[in-house]
Amino acid sequence: KRTLDSLGVVQIDAVNAVARSHLLVLRSRLGGTH
């Protein structure tokens, strides 16, 4: 919740070359597995 409060929006994108973009954005700030 704190991370979402610092971002406001997390873009959703269908490309899954590494992982869905929203999971990469969250991992950069939170850690953890996708």
PDB file of all heavy atoms in Angstrom:
ATOM      1  N   LYS A   1       0.830  -1.211   0.000  1.00  0.00           N
ATOM      2  CA  LYS A   1       0.000   0.000   0.000  1.00  0.00           C
ATOM      3  C   LYS A   1       0.861   1.257   0.000  1.00  0.00           C
ATOM      4  O   LYS A   1       0.542   2.237  -0.678  1.00  0.00           O
ATOM      5  CB  LYS A   1      -0.930  -0.006   1.215  1.00  0.00           C
ATOM      6  CG  LYS A   1      -2.051  -1.032   1.124  1.00  0.00           C
ATOM      7  CD  LYS A   1      -2.822  -1.141   2.434  1.00  0.00           C
ATOM      8  CE  LYS A   1      -3.838  -2.270   2.394  1.00  0.00           C
ATOM      9  NZ  LYS A   1      -4.506  -2.477   3.695  1.00  0.00           N
ATOM     10  N   ARG A   2       1.966   1.253   0.754  1.00  0.00           N
ATOM     11  CA  ARG A   2       2.860   2.415   0.782  1.00  0.00           C
ATOM     12  C   ARG A   2       3.470   2.658  -0.597  1.00  0.00           C
ATOM     13  O   ARG A   2       3.602   3.811  -1.032  1.00  0.00           O
ATOM     14  CB  ARG A   2       3.967   2.220   1.824  1.00  0.00           C
ATOM     15  CG  ARG A   2       3.501   2.351   3.259  1.00  0.00           C
ATOM     16  CD  ARG A   2       4.677   2.473   4.211  1.00  0.00           C
ATOM     17  NE  ARG A   2       5.529   1.293   4.206  1.00  0.00           N
ATOM     18  CZ  ARG A   2       5.343   0.234   4.992  1.00  0.00           C
ATOM     19  NH1 ARG A   2       4.313   0.197   5.838  1.00  0.00           N
ATOM     20  NH2 ARG A   2       6.165  -0.799   4.934  1.00  0.00           N
ATOM     21  N   THR A   3       3.812   1.574  -1.271  1.00  0.00           N
ATOM     22  CA  THR A   3       4.388   1.712  -2.609  1.00  0.00           C
ATOM     23  C   THR A   3       3.371   2.298  -3.578  1.00  0.00           C
ATOM     24  O   THR A   3       3.692   3.213  -4.353  1.00  0.00           O
ATOM     25  CB  THR A   3       4.893   0.351  -3.119  1.00  0.00           C
ATOM     26  OG1 THR A   3       6.001  -0.056  -2.313  1.00  0.00           O
ATOM     27  CG2 THR A   3       5.323   0.418  -4.571  1.00  0.00           C
ATOM     28  N   LEU A   4       2.149   1.795  -3.543  1.00  0.00           N
ATOM     29  CA  LEU A   4       1.116   2.350  -4.429  1.00  0.00           C
ATOM     30  C   LEU A   4       0.840   3.808  -4.107  1.00  0.00           C
ATOM     31  O   LEU A   4       0.546   4.617  -4.997  1.00  0.00           O
ATOM     32  CB  LEU A   4      -0.154   1.521  -4.348  1.00  0.00           C
ATOM     33  CG  LEU A   4      -0.319   0.425  -5.417  1.00  0.00           C
ATOM     34  CD1 LEU A   4      -0.457   1.067  -6.806  1.00  0.00           C
ATOM     35  CD2 LEU A   4       0.819  -0.580  -5.425  1.00  0.00           C
ATOM     36  N   ASP A   5       0.970   4.170  -2.827  1.00  0.00           N
ATOM     37  CA  ASP A   5       0.757   5.563  -2.426  1.00  0.00           C
ATOM     38  C   ASP A   5       1.849   6.474  -2.980  1.00  0.00           C
ATOM     39  O   ASP A   5       1.622   7.662  -3.181  1.00  0.00           O
ATOM     40  CB  ASP A   5       0.714   5.664  -0.902  1.00  0.00           C
ATOM     41  CG  ASP A   5       0.350   7.067  -0.429  1.00  0.00           C
ATOM     42  OD1 ASP A   5      -0.744   7.542  -0.799  1.00  0.00           O
ATOM     43  OD2 ASP A   5       1.170   7.690   0.287  1.00  0.00           O
ATOM     44  N   SER A   6       3.024   5.926  -3.243  1.00  0.00           N
ATOM     45  CA  SER A   6       4.113   6.730  -3.796  1.00  0.00           C
ATOM     46  C   SER A   6       4.091   6.782  -5.325  1.00  0.00           C
ATOM     47  O   SER A   6       4.796   7.585  -5.928  1.00  0.00           O
ATOM     48  CB  SER A   6       5.472   6.197  -3.326  1.00  0.00           C
ATOM     49  OG  SER A   6       5.749   4.938  -3.914  1.00  0.00           O
ATOM     50  N   LEU A   7       3.274   5.935  -5.935  1.00  0.00           N
ATOM     51  CA  LEU A   7       3.206   5.862  -7.396  1.00  0.00           C
ATOM     52  C   LEU A   7       1.907   6.420  -7.964  1.00  0.00           C
ATOM     53  O   LEU A   7       1.899   7.054  -9.017  1.00  0.00           O
ATOM     54  CB  LEU A   7       3.364   4.411  -7.860  1.00  0.00           C
ATOM     55  CG  LEU A   7       4.727   3.761  -7.654  1.00  0.00           C
ATOM     56  CD1 LEU A   7       4.641   2.265  -7.931  1.00  0.00           C
ATOM     57  CD2 LEU A   7       5.769   4.402  -8.545  1.00  0.00           C
ATOM     58  N   GLY A   8       0.782   6.130  -7.296  1.00  0.00           N
ATOM     59  CA  GLY A   8      -0.513   6.613  -7.770  1.00  0.00           C
ATOM     60  C   GLY A   8      -1.090   5.809  -8.909  1.00  0.00           C
ATOM     61  O   GLY A   8      -2.271   5.458  -8.902  1.00  0.00           O
ATOM     62  N   VAL A   9      -0.289   5.511  -9.908  1.00  0.00           N
ATOM     63  CA  VAL A   9      -0.715   4.656 -11.017  1.00  0.00           C
ATOM     64  C   VAL A   9       0.418   3.695 -11.360  1.00  0.00           C
ATOM     65  O   VAL A   9       1.592   4.056 -11.286  1.00  0.00           O
ATOM     66  CB  VAL A   9      -1.106   5.458 -12.284  1.00  0.00           C
ATOM     67  CG1 VAL A   9      -2.341   6.290 -12.046  1.00  0.00           C
ATOM     68  CG2 VAL A   9       0.033   6.346 -12.751  1.00  0.00           C
ATOM     69  N   VAL A  10       0.046   2.477 -11.716  1.00  0.00           N
ATOM     70  CA  VAL A  10       1.008   1.490 -12.215  1.00  0.00           C
ATOM     71  C   VAL A  10       0.491   1.011 -13.560  1.00  0.00           C
ATOM     72  O   VAL A  10      -0.602   0.449 -13.648  1.00  0.00           O
ATOM     73  CB  VAL A  10       1.169   0.303 -11.243  1.00  0.00           C
ATOM     74  CG1 VAL A  10       2.130  -0.731 -11.828  1.00  0.00           C
ATOM     75  CG2 VAL A  10       1.674   0.772  -9.887  1.00  0.00           C
ATOM     76  N   GLN A  11       1.263   1.276 -14.611  1.00  0.00           N
ATOM     77  CA  GLN A  11       0.807   0.947 -15.960  1.00  0.00           C
ATOM     78  C   GLN A  11       0.713  -0.560 -16.162  1.00  0.00           C
ATOM     79  O   GLN A  11       1.569  -1.322 -15.730  1.00  0.00           O
ATOM     80  CB  GLN A  11       1.764   1.553 -16.995  1.00  0.00           C
ATOM     81  CG  GLN A  11       1.321   1.335 -18.435  1.00  0.00           C
ATOM     82  CD  GLN A  11       2.187   2.063 -19.433  1.00  0.00           C
ATOM     83  OE1 GLN A  11       2.867   3.035 -19.102  1.00  0.00           O
ATOM     84  NE2 GLN A  11       2.189   1.614 -20.678  1.00  0.00           N
ATOM     85  N   ILE A  12      -0.366  -0.972 -16.834  1.00  0.00           N
ATOM     86  CA  ILE A  12      -0.575  -2.375 -17.190  1.00  0.00           C
ATOM     87  C   ILE A  12      -0.151  -2.561 -18.647  1.00  0.00           C
ATOM     88  O   ILE A  12      -0.565  -1.799 -19.517  1.00  0.00           O
ATOM     89  CB  ILE A  12      -2.062  -2.763 -17.037  1.00  0.00           C
ATOM     90  CG1 ILE A  12      -2.545  -2.486 -15.610  1.00  0.00           C
ATOM     91  CG2 ILE A  12      -2.282  -4.220 -17.404  1.00  0.00           C
ATOM     92  CD1 ILE A  12      -4.062  -2.555 -15.458  1.00  0.00           C
ATOM     93  N   ASP A  13       0.690  -3.540 -18.885  1.00  0.00           N
ATOM     94  CA  ASP A  13       1.104  -3.813 -20.266  1.00  0.00           C
ATOM     95  C   ASP A  13       1.127  -5.315 -20.489  1.00  0.00           C
ATOM     96  O   ASP A  13       1.520  -6.084 -19.604  1.00  0.00           O
ATOM     97  CB  ASP A  13       2.474  -3.213 -20.552  1.00  0.00           C
ATOM     98  CG  ASP A  13       2.809  -3.246 -22.034  1.00  0.00           C
ATOM     99  OD1 ASP A  13       2.345  -2.346 -22.765  1.00  0.00           O
ATOM    100  OD2 ASP A  13       3.499  -4.181 -22.469  1.00  0.00           O
ATOM    101  N   ALA A  14       0.717  -5.728 -21.674  1.00  0.00           N
ATOM    102  CA  ALA A  14       0.554  -7.162 -21.962  1.00  0.00           C
ATOM    103  C   ALA A  14       1.867  -7.872 -22.254  1.00  0.00           C
ATOM    104  O   ALA A  14       1.935  -9.100 -22.181  1.00  0.00           O
ATOM    105  CB  ALA A  14      -0.398  -7.345 -23.146  1.00  0.00           C
ATOM    106  N   VAL A  15       2.925  -7.127 -22.613  1.00  0.00           N
ATOM    107  CA  VAL A  15       4.192  -7.764 -22.977  1.00  0.00           C
ATOM    108  C   VAL A  15       4.756  -8.524 -21.773  1.00  0.00           C
ATOM    109  O   VAL A  15       4.835  -7.987 -20.671  1.00  0.00           O
ATOM    110  CB  VAL A  15       5.211  -6.719 -23.478  1.00  0.00           C
ATOM    111  CG1 VAL A  15       6.557  -7.374 -23.772  1.00  0.00           C
ATOM    112  CG2 VAL A  15       4.680  -6.026 -24.729  1.00  0.00           C
ATOM    113  N   ASN A  16       5.155  -9.757 -22.016  1.00  0.00           N
ATOM    114  CA  ASN A  16       5.591 -10.637 -20.929  1.00  0.00           C
ATOM    115  C   ASN A  16       6.973 -11.223 -21.219  1.00  0.00           C
ATOM    116  O   ASN A  16       7.243 -12.386 -20.913  1.00  0.00           O
ATOM    117  CB  ASN A  16       4.561 -11.757 -20.729  1.00  0.00           C
ATOM    118  CG  ASN A  16       4.713 -12.466 -19.400  1.00  0.00           C
ATOM    119  OD1 ASN A  16       5.275 -11.923 -18.453  1.00  0.00           O
ATOM    120  ND2 ASN A  16       4.225 -13.690 -19.321  1.00  0.00           N
ATOM    121  N   ALA A  17       7.858 -10.412 -21.802  1.00  0.00           N
ATOM    122  CA  ALA A  17       9.181 -10.900 -22.193  1.00  0.00           C
ATOM    123  C   ALA A  17       9.995 -11.329 -20.972  1.00  0.00           C
ATOM    124  O   ALA A  17      10.700 -12.341 -21.005  1.00  0.00           O
ATOM    125  CB  ALA A  17       9.934  -9.821 -22.964  1.00  0.00           C
ATOM    126  N   VAL A  18       9.910 -10.546 -19.898  1.00  0.00           N
ATOM    127  CA  VAL A  18      10.570 -10.882 -18.630  1.00  0.00           C
ATOM    128  C   VAL A  18       9.502 -11.218 -17.592  1.00  0.00           C
ATOM    129  O   VAL A  18       9.501 -12.284 -16.988  1.00  0.00           O
ATOM    130  CB  VAL A  18      11.462  -9.725 -18.146  1.00  0.00           C
ATOM    131  CG1 VAL A  18      12.103 -10.060 -16.797  1.00  0.00           C
ATOM    132  CG2 VAL A  18      12.549  -9.411 -19.181  1.00  0.00           C
ATOM    133  N   ALA A  19       8.597 -10.291 -17.387  1.00  0.00           N
ATOM    134  CA  ALA A  19       7.400 -10.453 -16.555  1.00  0.00           C
ATOM    135  C   ALA A  19       6.479  -9.309 -16.938  1.00  0.00           C
ATOM    136  O   ALA A  19       6.889  -8.379 -17.635  1.00  0.00           O
ATOM    137  CB  ALA A  19       7.752 -10.403 -15.071  1.00  0.00           C
ATOM    138  N   ARG A  20       5.220  -9.364 -16.517  1.00  0.00           N
ATOM    139  CA  ARG A  20       4.345  -8.221 -16.775  1.00  0.00           C
ATOM    140  C   ARG A  20       4.955  -6.967 -16.148  1.00  0.00           C
ATOM    141  O   ARG A  20       5.501  -7.018 -15.044  1.00  0.00           O
ATOM    142  CB  ARG A  20       2.969  -8.454 -16.172  1.00  0.00           C
ATOM    143  CG  ARG A  20       2.265  -9.717 -16.628  1.00  0.00           C
ATOM    144  CD  ARG A  20       1.749  -9.631 -18.036  1.00  0.00           C
ATOM    145  NE  ARG A  20       0.947 -10.806 -18.365  1.00  0.00           N
ATOM    146  CZ  ARG A  20       0.623 -11.182 -19.592  1.00  0.00           C
ATOM    147  NH1 ARG A  20       1.021 -10.475 -20.621  1.00  0.00           N
ATOM    148  NH2 ARG A  20      -0.111 -12.267 -19.790  1.00  0.00           N
ATOM    149  N   SER A  21       4.827  -5.858 -16.856  1.00  0.00           N
ATOM    150  CA  SER A  21       5.484  -4.630 -16.423  1.00  0.00           C
ATOM    151  C   SER A  21       5.125  -4.233 -14.994  1.00  0.00           C
ATOM    152  O   SER A  21       5.985  -3.791 -14.220  1.00  0.00           O
ATOM    153  CB  SER A  21       5.134  -3.477 -17.371  1.00  0.00           C
ATOM    154  OG  SER A  21       5.698  -2.275 -16.900  1.00  0.00           O
ATOM    155  N   HIS A  22       3.844  -4.371 -14.619  1.00  0.00           N
ATOM    156  CA  HIS A  22       3.450  -3.930 -13.282  1.00  0.00           C
ATOM    157  C   HIS A  22       4.188  -4.707 -12.193  1.00  0.00           C
ATOM    158  O   HIS A  22       4.486  -4.157 -11.129  1.00  0.00           O
ATOM    159  CB  HIS A  22       1.930  -4.027 -13.092  1.00  0.00           C
ATOM    160  CG  HIS A  22       1.338  -5.349 -13.421  1.00  0.00           C
ATOM    161  ND1 HIS A  22       0.946  -5.704 -14.691  1.00  0.00           N
ATOM    162  CD2 HIS A  22       1.055  -6.426 -12.641  1.00  0.00           C
ATOM    163  CE1 HIS A  22       0.446  -6.919 -14.682  1.00  0.00           C
ATOM    164  NE2 HIS A  22       0.514  -7.390 -13.445  1.00  0.00           N
ATOM    165  N   LEU A  23       4.518  -5.969 -12.471  1.00  0.00           N
ATOM    166  CA  LEU A  23       5.258  -6.758 -11.488  1.00  0.00           C
ATOM    167  C   LEU A  23       6.706  -6.297 -11.401  1.00  0.00           C
ATOM    168  O   LEU A  23       7.297  -6.257 -10.313  1.00  0.00           O
ATOM    169  CB  LEU A  23       5.186  -8.240 -11.842  1.00  0.00           C
ATOM    170  CG  LEU A  23       3.777  -8.845 -11.844  1.00  0.00           C
ATOM    171  CD1 LEU A  23       3.813 -10.302 -12.281  1.00  0.00           C
ATOM    172  CD2 LEU A  23       3.127  -8.723 -10.462  1.00  0.00           C
ATOM    173  N   LEU A  24       7.293  -5.915 -12.524  1.00  0.00           N
ATOM    174  CA  LEU A  24       8.659  -5.393 -12.520  1.00  0.00           C
ATOM    175  C   LEU A  24       8.740  -4.068 -11.763  1.00  0.00           C
ATOM    176  O   LEU A  24       9.685  -3.826 -11.002  1.00  0.00           O
ATOM    177  CB  LEU A  24       9.157  -5.204 -13.961  1.00  0.00           C
ATOM    178  CG  LEU A  24       9.289  -6.479 -14.796  1.00  0.00           C
ATOM    179  CD1 LEU A  24       9.569  -6.132 -16.252  1.00  0.00           C
ATOM    180  CD2 LEU A  24      10.389  -7.384 -14.246  1.00  0.00           C
ATOM    181  N   VAL A  25       7.737  -3.219 -11.967  1.00  0.00           N
ATOM    182  CA  VAL A  25       7.694  -1.933 -11.262  1.00  0.00           C
ATOM    183  C   VAL A  25       7.588  -2.152  -9.756  1.00  0.00           C
ATOM    184  O   VAL A  25       8.291  -1.515  -8.964  1.00  0.00           O
ATOM    185  CB  VAL A  25       6.506  -1.080 -11.776  1.00  0.00           C
ATOM    186  CG1 VAL A  25       6.287   0.149 -10.900  1.00  0.00           C
ATOM    187  CG2 VAL A  25       6.748  -0.660 -13.222  1.00  0.00           C
ATOM    188  N   LEU A  26       6.724  -3.064  -9.352  1.00  0.00           N
ATOM    189  CA  LEU A  26       6.551  -3.350  -7.925  1.00  0.00           C
ATOM    190  C   LEU A  26       7.804  -3.989  -7.330  1.00  0.00           C
ATOM    191  O   LEU A  26       8.227  -3.636  -6.220  1.00  0.00           O
ATOM    192  CB  LEU A  26       5.333  -4.244  -7.720  1.00  0.00           C
ATOM    193  CG  LEU A  26       3.981  -3.618  -8.062  1.00  0.00           C
ATOM    194  CD1 LEU A  26       2.882  -4.667  -8.048  1.00  0.00           C
ATOM    195  CD2 LEU A  26       3.646  -2.472  -7.113  1.00  0.00           C
ATOM    196  N   ARG A  27       8.421  -4.913  -8.048  1.00  0.00           N
ATOM    197  CA  ARG A  27       9.625  -5.564  -7.532  1.00  0.00           C
ATOM    198  C   ARG A  27      10.754  -4.569  -7.310  1.00  0.00           C
ATOM    199  O   ARG A  27      11.524  -4.681  -6.342  1.00  0.00           O
ATOM    200  CB  ARG A  27      10.106  -6.664  -8.501  1.00  0.00           C
ATOM    201  CG  ARG A  27      11.248  -7.513  -7.947  1.00  0.00           C
ATOM    202  CD  ARG A  27      11.966  -8.281  -9.035  1.00  0.00           C
ATOM    203  NE  ARG A  27      12.758  -7.416  -9.882  1.00  0.00           N
ATOM    204  CZ  ARG A  27      14.036  -7.092  -9.640  1.00  0.00           C
ATOM    205  NH1 ARG A  27      14.656  -7.555  -8.578  1.00  0.00           N
ATOM    206  NH2 ARG A  27      14.685  -6.308 -10.469  1.00  0.00           N
ATOM    207  N   SER A  28      10.871  -3.571  -8.187  1.00  0.00           N
ATOM    208  CA  SER A  28      11.937  -2.570  -8.048  1.00  0.00           C
ATOM    209  C   SER A  28      11.836  -1.811  -6.730  1.00  0.00           C
ATOM    210  O   SER A  28      12.832  -1.285  -6.239  1.00  0.00           O
ATOM    211  CB  SER A  28      11.886  -1.577  -9.218  1.00  0.00           C
ATOM    212  OG  SER A  28      12.293  -2.193 -10.417  1.00  0.00           O
ATOM    213  N   ARG A  29      10.632  -1.754  -6.169  1.00  0.00           N
ATOM    214  CA  ARG A  29      10.420  -0.981  -4.950  1.00  0.00           C
ATOM    215  C   ARG A  29      10.214  -1.857  -3.710  1.00  0.00           C
ATOM    216  O   ARG A  29      10.456  -1.403  -2.598  1.00  0.00           O
ATOM    217  CB  ARG A  29       9.200  -0.073  -5.147  1.00  0.00           C
ATOM    218  CG  ARG A  29       9.494   1.053  -6.150  1.00  0.00           C
ATOM    219  CD  ARG A  29       8.267   1.487  -6.901  1.00  0.00           C
ATOM    220  NE  ARG A  29       8.564   2.596  -7.796  1.00  0.00           N
ATOM    221  CZ  ARG A  29       9.035   2.455  -9.031  1.00  0.00           C
ATOM    222  NH1 ARG A  29       9.262   1.251  -9.529  1.00  0.00           N
ATOM    223  NH2 ARG A  29       9.281   3.520  -9.775  1.00  0.00           N
ATOM    224  N   LEU A  30       9.756  -3.072  -3.922  1.00  0.00           N
ATOM    225  CA  LEU A  30       9.381  -3.928  -2.793  1.00  0.00           C
ATOM    226  C   LEU A  30      10.270  -5.145  -2.606  1.00  0.00           C
ATOM    227  O   LEU A  30      10.409  -5.651  -1.490  1.00  0.00           O
ATOM    228  CB  LEU A  30       7.936  -4.414  -2.990  1.00  0.00           C
ATOM    229  CG  LEU A  30       6.831  -3.378  -2.805  1.00  0.00           C
ATOM    230  CD1 LEU A  30       5.534  -3.888  -3.407  1.00  0.00           C
ATOM    231  CD2 LEU A  30       6.650  -3.053  -1.342  1.00  0.00           C
ATOM    232  N   GLY A  31      10.840  -5.653  -3.711  1.00  0.00           N
ATOM    233  CA  GLY A  31      11.506  -6.941  -3.654  1.00  0.00           C
ATOM    234  C   GLY A  31      10.483  -8.059  -3.767  1.00  0.00           C
ATOM    235  O   GLY A  31       9.311  -7.835  -4.085  1.00  0.00           O
ATOM    236  N   GLY A  32      10.924  -9.279  -3.492  1.00  0.00           N
ATOM    237  CA  GLY A  32      10.016 -10.422  -3.554  1.00  0.00           C
ATOM    238  C   GLY A  32       9.927 -11.030  -4.939  1.00  0.00           C
ATOM    239  O   GLY A  32      10.414 -10.472  -5.921  1.00  0.00           O
ATOM    240  N   THR A  33       9.292 -12.169  -5.022  1.00  0.00           N
ATOM    241  CA  THR A  33       9.105 -12.838  -6.313  1.00  0.00           C
ATOM    242  C   THR A  33       7.893 -12.258  -7.032  1.00  0.00           C
ATOM    243  O   THR A  33       6.985 -11.691  -6.409  1.00  0.00           O
ATOM    244  CB  THR A  33       8.891 -14.346  -6.118  1.00  0.00           C
ATOM    245  OG1 THR A  33       7.643 -14.553  -5.426  1.00  0.00           O
ATOM    246  CG2 THR A  33      10.028 -14.977  -5.330  1.00  0.00           C
ATOM    247  N   HIS A  34       7.867 -12.423  -8.332  1.00  0.00           N
ATOM    248  CA  HIS A  34       6.713 -11.955  -9.102  1.00  0.00           C
ATOM    249  C   HIS A  34       5.456 -12.717  -8.708  1.00  0.00           C
ATOM    250  O   HIS A  34       4.357 -12.141  -8.689  1.00  0.00           O
ATOM    251  CB  HIS A  34       6.993 -12.112 -10.598  1.00  0.00           C
ATOM    252  CG  HIS A  34       8.137 -11.264 -11.072  1.00  0.00           C
ATOM    253  ND1 HIS A  34       8.998 -11.655 -12.058  1.00  0.00           N
ATOM    254  CD2 HIS A  34       8.567 -10.046 -10.655  1.00  0.00           C
ATOM    255  CE1 HIS A  34       9.899 -10.715 -12.256  1.00  0.00           C
ATOM    256  NE2 HIS A  34       9.666  -9.732 -11.411  1.00  0.00           N
TER     257      HIS A  34
END
